Amino acid sequence: MATQVFWKIRVVLLVDIVEDTKTLQTLQRSKRAQSRIQRLLTQFGTASAKAREGVDHEGPDPEPDQEQYDNIEAQIVVEDWVGPISASLEVWHTVDNNPQMRGERIVSSS
């Protein structure tokens, strides 16, 4: 006969993470962001990406290496690719077999 195990939930964490995509789109349309993105494409883009965007290119794509990844990372501006992030956290626990929020909701935004 199989033994049944019942677990009692004691704590639940609720996390809500939201990216502000409207702000991201606005930032991406700026001349500075467009210039940085175009520079990345010109220096590091694949032949097919360059062809799609009308950027001149020669020969096949070079094999990527750690130095290339380091160069890309050094030129990335995070705000060109990810919008402002906000997150909230709630901690719930059981009190007398009823759910109750512990403390206040914690909210953070970038």
Protein backbone atom coordinates (compact mmCIF):
# COMPACT_ATOMS: atom_id res chain seq x y z
CA MET A 1 0.00 0.00 0.00
CA ALA A 2 1.38 3.42 -1.00
CA THR A 3 1.94 6.01 1.67
CA GLN A 4 0.39 9.42 1.01
CA VAL A 5 2.30 12.49 2.07
CA PHE A 6 0.46 15.75 2.56
CA TRP A 7 2.37 19.02 2.61
CA LYS A 8 1.03 22.06 4.30
CA ILE A 9 1.87 25.28 2.53
CA ARG A 10 3.34 27.73 4.99
CA VAL A 11 4.80 30.53 2.89
CA VAL A 12 4.06 31.80 -0.62
CA LEU A 13 6.12 34.41 -2.46
CA LEU A 14 4.41 36.44 -5.18
CA VAL A 15 6.75 38.27 -7.53
CA ASP A 16 5.60 40.54 -10.35
CA ILE A 17 8.27 41.83 -12.75
CA VAL A 18 7.25 44.31 -15.46
CA GLU A 19 9.28 45.96 -18.21
CA ASP A 20 8.11 49.39 -19.38
CA THR A 21 8.11 48.63 -23.10
CA LYS A 22 6.59 52.00 -24.06
CA THR A 23 9.54 53.83 -22.56
CA LEU A 24 11.92 51.33 -24.19
CA GLN A 25 10.39 52.01 -27.62
CA THR A 26 10.70 55.77 -27.07
CA LEU A 27 14.33 55.40 -26.03
CA GLN A 28 15.08 53.13 -29.01
CA ARG A 29 13.75 55.77 -31.41
CA SER A 30 16.21 58.40 -30.14
CA LYS A 31 19.05 59.37 -32.49
CA ARG A 32 21.67 58.36 -29.90
CA ALA A 33 20.23 54.87 -29.46
CA GLN A 34 19.78 54.41 -33.22
CA SER A 35 23.41 55.42 -33.74
CA ARG A 36 24.67 52.96 -31.11
CA ILE A 37 22.53 50.12 -32.48
CA GLN A 38 23.67 50.86 -36.05
CA ARG A 39 27.32 50.87 -34.91
CA LEU A 40 26.87 47.46 -33.24
CA LEU A 41 25.25 46.07 -36.39
CA THR A 42 28.03 47.45 -38.60
CA GLN A 43 30.83 46.12 -36.41
CA PHE A 44 29.42 42.82 -35.20
CA GLY A 45 26.27 41.95 -37.17
CA THR A 46 25.98 38.81 -39.26
CA ALA A 47 26.04 39.03 -43.05
CA SER A 48 22.30 38.32 -43.21
CA ALA A 49 21.50 41.04 -40.63
CA LYS A 50 23.68 43.53 -42.49
CA ALA A 51 22.02 42.62 -45.82
CA ARG A 52 18.56 42.97 -44.26
CA GLU A 53 19.45 46.44 -42.94
CA GLY A 54 21.24 47.57 -46.11
CA VAL A 55 24.72 47.64 -44.55
CA ASP A 56 27.64 46.77 -46.85
CA HIS A 57 29.46 43.57 -45.92
CA GLU A 58 32.14 41.30 -47.31
CA GLY A 59 32.56 37.55 -47.13
CA PRO A 60 31.21 35.08 -44.62
CA ASP A 61 30.66 35.74 -40.93
CA PRO A 62 33.85 35.36 -38.88
CA GLU A 63 33.84 32.79 -36.10
CA PRO A 64 33.01 34.59 -32.86
CA ASP A 65 35.57 34.43 -30.08
CA GLN A 66 35.87 35.73 -26.53
CA GLU A 67 37.57 38.94 -27.63
CA GLN A 68 34.66 39.72 -29.95
CA TYR A 69 32.15 39.06 -27.15
CA ASP A 70 34.16 41.31 -24.83
CA ASN A 71 34.15 44.08 -27.46
CA ILE A 72 30.39 43.77 -27.92
CA GLU A 73 29.79 43.82 -24.17
CA ALA A 74 31.94 46.95 -23.79
CA GLN A 75 29.74 48.80 -26.30
CA ILE A 76 26.31 47.66 -25.12
CA VAL A 77 24.11 50.29 -23.50
CA VAL A 78 21.52 48.29 -21.57
CA GLU A 79 18.84 50.97 -21.94
CA ASP A 80 18.93 50.46 -25.73
CA TRP A 81 17.67 46.89 -25.24
CA VAL A 82 15.73 46.69 -21.96
CA GLY A 83 13.17 49.18 -20.70
CA PRO A 84 12.85 50.31 -17.10
CA ILE A 85 11.96 47.40 -14.82
CA SER A 86 9.65 47.47 -11.84
CA ALA A 87 9.09 44.58 -9.48
CA SER A 88 6.88 43.91 -6.51
CA LEU A 89 7.14 41.20 -3.91
CA GLU A 90 4.54 39.94 -1.47
CA VAL A 91 5.14 37.35 1.21
CA TRP A 92 2.09 35.40 2.36
CA HIS A 93 1.92 32.89 5.17
CA THR A 94 -0.75 30.93 6.99
CA VAL A 95 -2.21 32.12 10.25
CA ASP A 96 -4.79 29.80 11.79
CA ASN A 97 -5.07 28.02 8.42
CA ASN A 98 -5.87 31.28 6.60
CA PRO A 99 -3.61 33.17 4.17
CA GLN A 100 -2.29 36.49 5.44
CA MET A 101 0.17 38.90 3.87
CA ARG A 102 3.29 39.32 5.96
CA GLY A 103 4.31 42.96 6.13
CA GLU A 104 3.84 45.36 3.23
CA ARG A 105 4.25 44.82 -0.48
CA ILE A 106 7.82 45.61 -1.49
CA VAL A 107 8.08 47.63 -4.71
CA SER A 108 11.25 48.49 -6.58
CA SER A 109 11.76 50.24 -9.91
CA SER A 110 14.73 51.17 -12.06
